[in-house]
Structure formats: structure tokens, C-alpha cells
Amino acid sequence: MDDQEFLEVFRQSANLLREQTVQQLLEDNAAYEEICRQEEMTEQQYLQLVLTEEQRTVIDAMLLEKERSCLLYADTAYLAGIKNVLQLRRALQL
């Protein structure tokens, strides 16, 4: 297995572990559940708006880009956390 293959397997494994851990943490997070309910209500209100096709396309594109940037930030924060733990481990010589 070359370095690229290893990195891909590692990335996939880290994503799986992250998703499992995040899901467990979010299931017990009342604030997150409330945000999800609010998001659903807001989406229903959005869908009921009378918008032109162009307006809806622009808004949908903006929401998609916002979601993509939030996901990228979350992924980066997760990787930064892993990197920080490894640095701390090294610094403490564990």
C-alpha cells in the first residue's frame, strides 16, 4: 500500500469514527435538537414563499455554499483537534 492509498484509507476511517462519535454526542444535545427543529420550521416557511425561479436558485446556491463552508470548517476543526492531541502527547512524552 503506497502513501496515497494509506492516506485515503486513513481519511475514510477517520470520517467513519468521527461520524459515529458526533452522532452519539448530538443525540444527547438538547440545544442541537432545538436548532434542528427551528431549521425545519424555517425551511417550511422558505418553501411557502412566493419567489421567482431565479430568486429561489440564488438563495439555494447561497445556502448550499454556506453549508459547504460549515462542513469544511467542521472537518478542519476535527483534524486540528486530532493534530493537537498528537502534539500534546508528544510534548508530554506519552
N, C-alpha and C. Protein backbone atom coordinates (compact mmCIF):
# COMPACT_ATOMS: atom_id res chain seq x y z
N MET A 1 0.85 -1.17 0.00
CA MET A 1 0.00 0.00 0.00
C MET A 1 0.90 1.23 0.00
N ASP A 2 0.70 2.11 -0.97
CA ASP A 2 1.52 3.32 -1.03
C ASP A 2 0.93 4.41 -0.12
N ASP A 3 1.64 5.52 -0.02
CA ASP A 3 1.24 6.59 0.89
C ASP A 3 -0.15 7.15 0.56
N GLN A 4 -0.44 7.32 -0.70
CA GLN A 4 -1.74 7.87 -1.11
C GLN A 4 -2.87 6.93 -0.71
N GLU A 5 -2.67 5.64 -0.94
CA GLU A 5 -3.70 4.67 -0.55
C GLU A 5 -3.90 4.66 0.96
N PHE A 6 -2.78 4.71 1.69
CA PHE A 6 -2.87 4.74 3.15
C PHE A 6 -3.63 5.97 3.62
N LEU A 7 -3.29 7.13 3.05
CA LEU A 7 -3.97 8.36 3.45
C LEU A 7 -5.46 8.31 3.16
N GLU A 8 -5.82 7.71 2.05
CA GLU A 8 -7.24 7.59 1.71
C GLU A 8 -7.96 6.66 2.68
N VAL A 9 -7.36 5.53 3.01
CA VAL A 9 -7.95 4.60 3.98
C VAL A 9 -8.04 5.28 5.34
N PHE A 10 -6.99 5.99 5.72
CA PHE A 10 -7.00 6.70 6.99
C PHE A 10 -8.11 7.75 7.02
N ARG A 11 -8.24 8.51 5.93
CA ARG A 11 -9.27 9.54 5.86
C ARG A 11 -10.66 8.93 6.00
N GLN A 12 -10.90 7.84 5.28
CA GLN A 12 -12.20 7.18 5.35
C GLN A 12 -12.48 6.65 6.75
N SER A 13 -11.47 6.06 7.37
CA SER A 13 -11.63 5.53 8.72
C SER A 13 -11.89 6.64 9.72
N ALA A 14 -11.15 7.73 9.59
CA ALA A 14 -11.35 8.88 10.49
C ALA A 14 -12.74 9.46 10.32
N ASN A 15 -13.22 9.54 9.08
CA ASN A 15 -14.57 10.05 8.83
C ASN A 15 -15.62 9.16 9.48
N LEU A 16 -15.46 7.86 9.37
CA LEU A 16 -16.41 6.93 9.97
C LEU A 16 -16.43 7.08 11.49
N LEU A 17 -15.26 7.10 12.09
CA LEU A 17 -15.17 7.27 13.55
C LEU A 17 -15.76 8.60 13.98
N ARG A 18 -15.45 9.67 13.25
CA ARG A 18 -15.96 10.98 13.58
C ARG A 18 -17.48 10.99 13.52
N GLU A 19 -18.04 10.45 12.46
CA GLU A 19 -19.50 10.45 12.32
C GLU A 19 -20.17 9.69 13.45
N GLN A 20 -19.61 8.55 13.82
CA GLN A 20 -20.18 7.77 14.93
C GLN A 20 -20.12 8.55 16.24
N THR A 21 -18.98 9.16 16.51
CA THR A 21 -18.80 9.92 17.75
C THR A 21 -19.70 11.14 17.77
N VAL A 22 -19.73 11.88 16.67
CA VAL A 22 -20.56 13.08 16.60
C VAL A 22 -22.02 12.72 16.79
N GLN A 23 -22.47 11.66 16.13
CA GLN A 23 -23.87 11.25 16.25
C GLN A 23 -24.22 10.93 17.70
N GLN A 24 -23.34 10.22 18.39
CA GLN A 24 -23.57 9.89 19.80
C GLN A 24 -23.67 11.16 20.65
N LEU A 25 -22.77 12.11 20.40
CA LEU A 25 -22.78 13.35 21.18
C LEU A 25 -24.02 14.20 20.88
N LEU A 26 -24.42 14.26 19.63
CA LEU A 26 -25.56 15.09 19.25
C LEU A 26 -26.88 14.52 19.75
N GLU A 27 -26.98 13.21 19.87
CA GLU A 27 -28.22 12.59 20.35
C GLU A 27 -28.57 13.07 21.74
N ASP A 28 -27.58 13.43 22.53
CA ASP A 28 -27.81 13.89 23.90
C ASP A 28 -27.74 15.41 24.03
N ASN A 29 -27.71 16.13 22.92
CA ASN A 29 -27.54 17.57 22.95
C ASN A 29 -28.88 18.26 22.67
N ALA A 30 -29.52 18.75 23.72
CA ALA A 30 -30.83 19.37 23.59
C ALA A 30 -30.77 20.64 22.73
N ALA A 31 -29.70 21.41 22.84
CA ALA A 31 -29.57 22.63 22.05
C ALA A 31 -29.52 22.30 20.57
N TYR A 32 -28.81 21.25 20.20
CA TYR A 32 -28.73 20.83 18.81
C TYR A 32 -30.11 20.40 18.30
N GLU A 33 -30.83 19.65 19.12
CA GLU A 33 -32.17 19.21 18.74
C GLU A 33 -33.09 20.41 18.50
N GLU A 34 -32.98 21.43 19.33
CA GLU A 34 -33.80 22.64 19.16
C GLU A 34 -33.42 23.37 17.87
N ILE A 35 -32.15 23.46 17.60
CA ILE A 35 -31.70 24.10 16.36
C ILE A 35 -32.25 23.34 15.15
N CYS A 36 -32.24 22.02 15.20
CA CYS A 36 -32.78 21.22 14.09
C CYS A 36 -34.27 21.48 13.91
N ARG A 37 -35.02 21.57 15.00
CA ARG A 37 -36.45 21.88 14.90
C ARG A 37 -36.67 23.25 14.28
N GLN A 38 -35.89 24.23 14.71
CA GLN A 38 -36.01 25.58 14.17
C GLN A 38 -35.66 25.59 12.68
N GLU A 39 -34.64 24.84 12.31
CA GLU A 39 -34.24 24.76 10.90
C GLU A 39 -35.37 24.18 10.05
N GLU A 40 -36.01 23.15 10.54
CA GLU A 40 -37.12 22.54 9.81
C GLU A 40 -38.28 23.53 9.64
N MET A 41 -38.59 24.26 10.70
CA MET A 41 -39.67 25.25 10.61
C MET A 41 -39.32 26.36 9.62
N THR A 42 -38.09 26.83 9.67
CA THR A 42 -37.65 27.89 8.76
C THR A 42 -37.66 27.40 7.31
N GLU A 43 -37.26 26.16 7.10
CA GLU A 43 -37.29 25.61 5.75
C GLU A 43 -38.72 25.55 5.21
N GLN A 44 -39.66 25.16 6.05
CA GLN A 44 -41.05 25.13 5.62
C GLN A 44 -41.54 26.54 5.26
N GLN A 45 -41.14 27.53 6.05
CA GLN A 45 -41.52 28.91 5.74
C GLN A 45 -40.90 29.35 4.41
N TYR A 46 -39.65 28.98 4.20
CA TYR A 46 -38.96 29.32 2.95
C TYR A 46 -39.68 28.71 1.75
N LEU A 47 -40.07 27.45 1.88
CA LEU A 47 -40.74 26.78 0.77
C LEU A 47 -42.10 27.39 0.46
N GLN A 48 -42.70 28.06 1.42
CA GLN A 48 -44.01 28.68 1.21
C GLN A 48 -43.91 30.08 0.61
N LEU A 49 -42.70 30.64 0.57
CA LEU A 49 -42.53 31.96 -0.02
C LEU A 49 -42.82 31.93 -1.52
N VAL A 50 -43.38 33.01 -2.00
CA VAL A 50 -43.61 33.14 -3.43
C VAL A 50 -42.39 33.83 -4.02
N LEU A 51 -41.55 33.04 -4.67
CA LEU A 51 -40.30 33.54 -5.24
C LEU A 51 -40.25 33.16 -6.71
N THR A 52 -39.54 33.97 -7.45
CA THR A 52 -39.30 33.59 -8.84
C THR A 52 -38.29 32.44 -8.86
N GLU A 53 -38.21 31.77 -9.97
CA GLU A 53 -37.25 30.68 -10.11
C GLU A 53 -35.82 31.19 -9.91
N GLU A 54 -35.54 32.37 -10.45
CA GLU A 54 -34.20 32.96 -10.31
C GLU A 54 -33.89 33.27 -8.84
N GLN A 55 -34.86 33.84 -8.13
CA GLN A 55 -34.64 34.14 -6.72
C GLN A 55 -34.38 32.86 -5.92
N ARG A 56 -35.19 31.85 -6.16
CA ARG A 56 -35.03 30.59 -5.44
C ARG A 56 -33.68 29.95 -5.78
N THR A 57 -33.26 30.04 -7.02
CA THR A 57 -31.97 29.47 -7.44
C THR A 57 -30.82 30.17 -6.72
N VAL A 58 -30.88 31.50 -6.65
CA VAL A 58 -29.82 32.26 -5.98
C VAL A 58 -29.78 31.93 -4.49
N ILE A 59 -30.93 31.88 -3.86
CA ILE A 59 -30.99 31.56 -2.42
C ILE A 59 -30.50 30.15 -2.16
N ASP A 60 -30.94 29.20 -2.99
CA ASP A 60 -30.50 27.81 -2.82
C ASP A 60 -28.99 27.68 -2.99
N ALA A 61 -28.42 28.40 -3.96
CA ALA A 61 -26.98 28.36 -4.18
C ALA A 61 -26.24 28.94 -2.97
N MET A 62 -26.76 30.03 -2.44
CA MET A 62 -26.13 30.65 -1.27
C MET A 62 -26.19 29.70 -0.07
N LEU A 63 -27.33 29.06 0.16
CA LEU A 63 -27.46 28.12 1.27
C LEU A 63 -26.53 26.92 1.10
N LEU A 64 -26.40 26.44 -0.13
CA LEU A 64 -25.51 25.32 -0.41
C LEU A 64 -24.06 25.68 -0.11
N GLU A 65 -23.64 26.86 -0.55
CA GLU A 65 -22.26 27.29 -0.29
C GLU A 65 -22.02 27.50 1.20
N LYS A 66 -23.01 28.01 1.91
CA LYS A 66 -22.89 28.19 3.36
C LYS A 66 -22.74 26.84 4.04
N GLU A 67 -23.54 25.87 3.62
CA GLU A 67 -23.46 24.53 4.19
C GLU A 67 -22.10 23.91 3.90
N ARG A 68 -21.62 24.06 2.67
CA ARG A 68 -20.31 23.51 2.30
C ARG A 68 -19.19 24.12 3.14
N SER A 69 -19.24 25.44 3.35
CA SER A 69 -18.19 26.08 4.14
C SER A 69 -18.26 25.64 5.60
N CYS A 70 -19.46 25.45 6.12
CA CYS A 70 -19.60 24.98 7.51
C CYS A 70 -19.06 23.56 7.65
N LEU A 71 -19.35 22.70 6.67
CA LEU A 71 -18.85 21.33 6.72
C LEU A 71 -17.33 21.30 6.61
N LEU A 72 -16.77 22.11 5.73
CA LEU A 72 -15.31 22.16 5.60
C LEU A 72 -14.68 22.67 6.89
N TYR A 73 -15.29 23.67 7.50
CA TYR A 73 -14.78 24.18 8.77
C TYR A 73 -14.83 23.09 9.84
N ALA A 74 -15.94 22.36 9.91
CA ALA A 74 -16.07 21.30 10.90
C ALA A 74 -15.02 20.21 10.68
N ASP A 75 -14.81 19.82 9.43
CA ASP A 75 -13.78 18.82 9.12
C ASP A 75 -12.40 19.31 9.54
N THR A 76 -12.11 20.57 9.24
CA THR A 76 -10.81 21.14 9.58
C THR A 76 -10.64 21.24 11.09
N ALA A 77 -11.69 21.62 11.79
CA ALA A 77 -11.62 21.70 13.26
C ALA A 77 -11.38 20.32 13.86
N TYR A 78 -12.03 19.31 13.31
CA TYR A 78 -11.84 17.94 13.78
C TYR A 78 -10.39 17.51 13.59
N LEU A 79 -9.86 17.74 12.39
CA LEU A 79 -8.46 17.38 12.13
C LEU A 79 -7.51 18.18 13.00
N ALA A 80 -7.82 19.44 13.25
CA ALA A 80 -6.97 20.25 14.13
C ALA A 80 -6.97 19.67 15.54
N GLY A 81 -8.11 19.19 15.99
CA GLY A 81 -8.19 18.57 17.31
C GLY A 81 -7.33 17.33 17.39
N ILE A 82 -7.38 16.51 16.35
CA ILE A 82 -6.54 15.31 16.32
C ILE A 82 -5.06 15.70 16.34
N LYS A 83 -4.72 16.70 15.53
CA LYS A 83 -3.32 17.16 15.48
C LYS A 83 -2.88 17.70 16.84
N ASN A 84 -3.75 18.44 17.51
CA ASN A 84 -3.41 18.99 18.83
C ASN A 84 -3.21 17.89 19.86
N VAL A 85 -4.03 16.85 19.81
CA VAL A 85 -3.87 15.73 20.74
C VAL A 85 -2.53 15.05 20.51
N LEU A 86 -2.18 14.84 19.23
CA LEU A 86 -0.89 14.21 18.93
C LEU A 86 0.28 15.08 19.38
N GLN A 87 0.17 16.40 19.20
CA GLN A 87 1.22 17.30 19.65
C GLN A 87 1.34 17.28 21.17
N LEU A 88 0.21 17.27 21.85
CA LEU A 88 0.20 17.22 23.32
C LEU A 88 0.81 15.90 23.81
N ARG A 89 0.45 14.84 23.15
CA ARG A 89 1.01 13.53 23.50
C ARG A 89 2.52 13.53 23.37
N ARG A 90 2.99 14.09 22.25
CA ARG A 90 4.44 14.19 22.03
C ARG A 90 5.10 15.08 23.08
N ALA A 91 4.48 16.22 23.36
CA ALA A 91 5.05 17.16 24.32
C ALA A 91 5.13 16.56 25.72
N LEU A 92 4.15 15.74 26.07
CA LEU A 92 4.12 15.11 27.39
C LEU A 92 4.88 13.78 27.40
N GLN A 93 5.40 13.42 26.23
CA GLN A 93 6.14 12.18 26.05
C GLN A 93 5.37 10.96 26.55
N LEU A 94 4.12 10.88 26.11
CA LEU A 94 3.26 9.74 26.49
C LEU A 94 3.34 8.64 25.48
